[in-house]
């Protein structure tokens, strides 16, 4: 299957999980596009000052893969600045948040894998 950028759904949310500002998600693949246990596969954009608030991943895991910009990530109480090429894994009941504290947009891939097959 090929999926062009024009075929990918985009959505925007405000103050996601209690974070600040706008989160833009370009859904590279939908859970109905794949057979595996993937709930989310999206390119996420956070403008300067925007964030996704601290939230839990129970019975699933999420990977952030930084494409451009830099972010401050709280991974279950450990806070670090991450840069392009860095990856962060959170799962098995752990919590995390991500914030763009820089002057440039932040882009990363967000991938959520569930421990059980998703409902189709």
Protein backbone atom coordinates (compact mmCIF):
# COMPACT_ATOMS: atom_id res chain seq x y z
CA UNK A 1 0.00 0.00 0.00
CA UNK A 2 1.11 3.53 -0.77
CA UNK A 3 -0.33 6.48 1.09
CA UNK A 4 0.49 9.93 -0.22
CA UNK A 5 0.68 12.94 2.04
CA UNK A 6 -2.57 14.23 0.52
CA UNK A 7 -4.31 11.02 1.68
CA UNK A 8 -3.19 11.40 5.29
CA UNK A 9 -5.70 12.78 7.79
CA UNK A 10 -4.67 15.81 9.82
CA UNK A 11 -6.22 16.84 13.10
CA UNK A 12 -5.55 19.59 15.59
CA UNK A 13 -6.27 19.62 19.30
CA UNK A 14 -5.89 22.27 21.97
CA UNK A 15 -4.37 21.73 25.41
CA UNK A 16 -3.91 17.97 24.87
CA UNK A 17 -3.79 16.13 28.21
CA UNK A 18 -3.64 19.50 29.98
CA UNK A 19 -0.71 20.76 27.89
CA UNK A 20 -0.39 24.22 26.36
CA UNK A 21 -1.41 25.37 22.91
CA UNK A 22 -2.07 23.50 19.73
CA UNK A 23 -0.99 19.98 18.72
CA UNK A 24 -1.10 19.15 15.00
CA UNK A 25 -1.11 15.45 14.03
CA UNK A 26 -0.61 14.18 10.50
CA UNK A 27 -1.74 10.54 10.66
CA UNK A 28 0.79 8.68 8.50
CA UNK A 29 -1.17 5.45 8.98
CA UNK A 30 -4.52 4.77 10.65
CA UNK A 31 -5.05 1.74 12.88
CA UNK A 32 -7.32 0.33 10.18
CA UNK A 33 -4.49 0.56 7.61
CA UNK A 34 -2.27 -1.98 9.39
CA UNK A 35 -2.74 -5.48 10.77
CA UNK A 36 -0.49 -4.99 13.81
CA UNK A 37 -1.45 -3.54 17.18
CA UNK A 38 -0.78 0.09 16.24
CA UNK A 39 -3.13 2.70 17.68
CA UNK A 40 -1.23 5.78 16.44
CA UNK A 41 1.42 6.48 13.81
CA UNK A 42 1.57 10.24 13.29
CA UNK A 43 3.92 13.11 12.59
CA UNK A 44 3.26 15.56 15.43
CA UNK A 45 4.05 19.27 15.30
CA UNK A 46 4.31 21.53 18.35
CA UNK A 47 4.96 25.21 17.79
CA UNK A 48 7.15 27.09 20.32
CA UNK A 49 5.55 27.14 23.77
CA UNK A 50 3.21 24.23 23.01
CA UNK A 51 3.13 20.93 24.86
CA UNK A 52 1.36 17.61 25.41
CA UNK A 53 0.62 17.26 29.12
CA UNK A 54 1.69 14.50 31.49
CA UNK A 55 -0.34 11.35 30.76
CA UNK A 56 -0.19 7.58 31.27
CA UNK A 57 0.21 4.67 28.85
CA UNK A 58 -1.42 1.62 30.42
CA UNK A 59 -1.61 -1.60 28.36
CA UNK A 60 0.21 0.22 25.56
CA UNK A 61 3.52 1.90 24.78
CA UNK A 62 4.44 5.08 22.94
CA UNK A 63 7.63 6.00 21.13
CA UNK A 64 8.57 9.59 20.34
CA UNK A 65 11.17 9.88 17.57
CA UNK A 66 12.41 13.45 17.19
CA UNK A 67 12.59 14.62 13.55
CA UNK A 68 13.41 18.33 13.95
CA UNK A 69 13.65 20.90 16.69
CA UNK A 70 14.21 20.06 20.33
CA UNK A 71 11.95 19.10 23.20
CA UNK A 72 11.90 18.72 26.94
CA UNK A 73 10.45 15.31 27.80
CA UNK A 74 9.38 14.10 31.23
CA UNK A 75 9.52 10.30 31.07
CA UNK A 76 8.00 8.96 34.29
CA UNK A 77 9.71 11.61 36.42
CA UNK A 78 13.04 11.81 34.53
CA UNK A 79 13.32 15.03 32.51
CA UNK A 80 15.71 15.45 29.57
CA UNK A 81 16.15 17.63 26.52
CA UNK A 82 15.98 15.58 23.31
CA UNK A 83 17.17 16.42 19.79
CA UNK A 84 16.72 15.14 16.20
CA UNK A 85 17.48 11.43 16.03
CA UNK A 86 16.71 10.85 19.72
CA UNK A 87 13.94 8.45 20.74
CA UNK A 88 11.93 8.12 23.95
CA UNK A 89 9.97 5.01 24.97
CA UNK A 90 7.15 5.11 27.55
CA UNK A 91 4.88 2.20 28.40
CA UNK A 92 3.70 -0.46 30.82
CA UNK A 93 1.82 2.01 33.02
CA UNK A 94 4.41 4.82 32.89
CA UNK A 95 3.66 8.51 32.31
CA UNK A 96 5.23 11.14 30.05
CA UNK A 97 4.90 14.66 28.62
CA UNK A 98 6.65 16.63 25.89
CA UNK A 99 7.16 20.38 25.56
CA UNK A 100 8.65 22.66 22.94
CA UNK A 101 10.62 25.25 24.90
CA UNK A 102 12.64 26.38 21.86
CA UNK A 103 12.06 29.16 19.31
CA UNK A 104 11.53 26.72 16.38
CA UNK A 105 8.78 24.21 15.60
CA UNK A 106 9.19 20.69 16.98
CA UNK A 107 8.33 17.71 14.76
CA UNK A 108 8.37 14.12 15.92
CA UNK A 109 6.86 10.75 15.08
CA UNK A 110 4.47 9.44 17.70
CA UNK A 111 3.84 5.70 17.57
CA UNK A 112 1.48 3.96 20.02
CA UNK A 113 1.49 0.17 20.10
CA UNK A 114 -1.16 -1.64 22.14
CA UNK A 115 -0.65 -4.88 24.03
CA UNK A 116 -3.93 -6.20 22.63
CA UNK A 117 -5.30 -6.09 19.08
CA UNK A 118 -7.12 -2.80 18.43
CA UNK A 119 -10.83 -2.79 17.71
CA UNK A 120 -11.40 -2.31 13.99
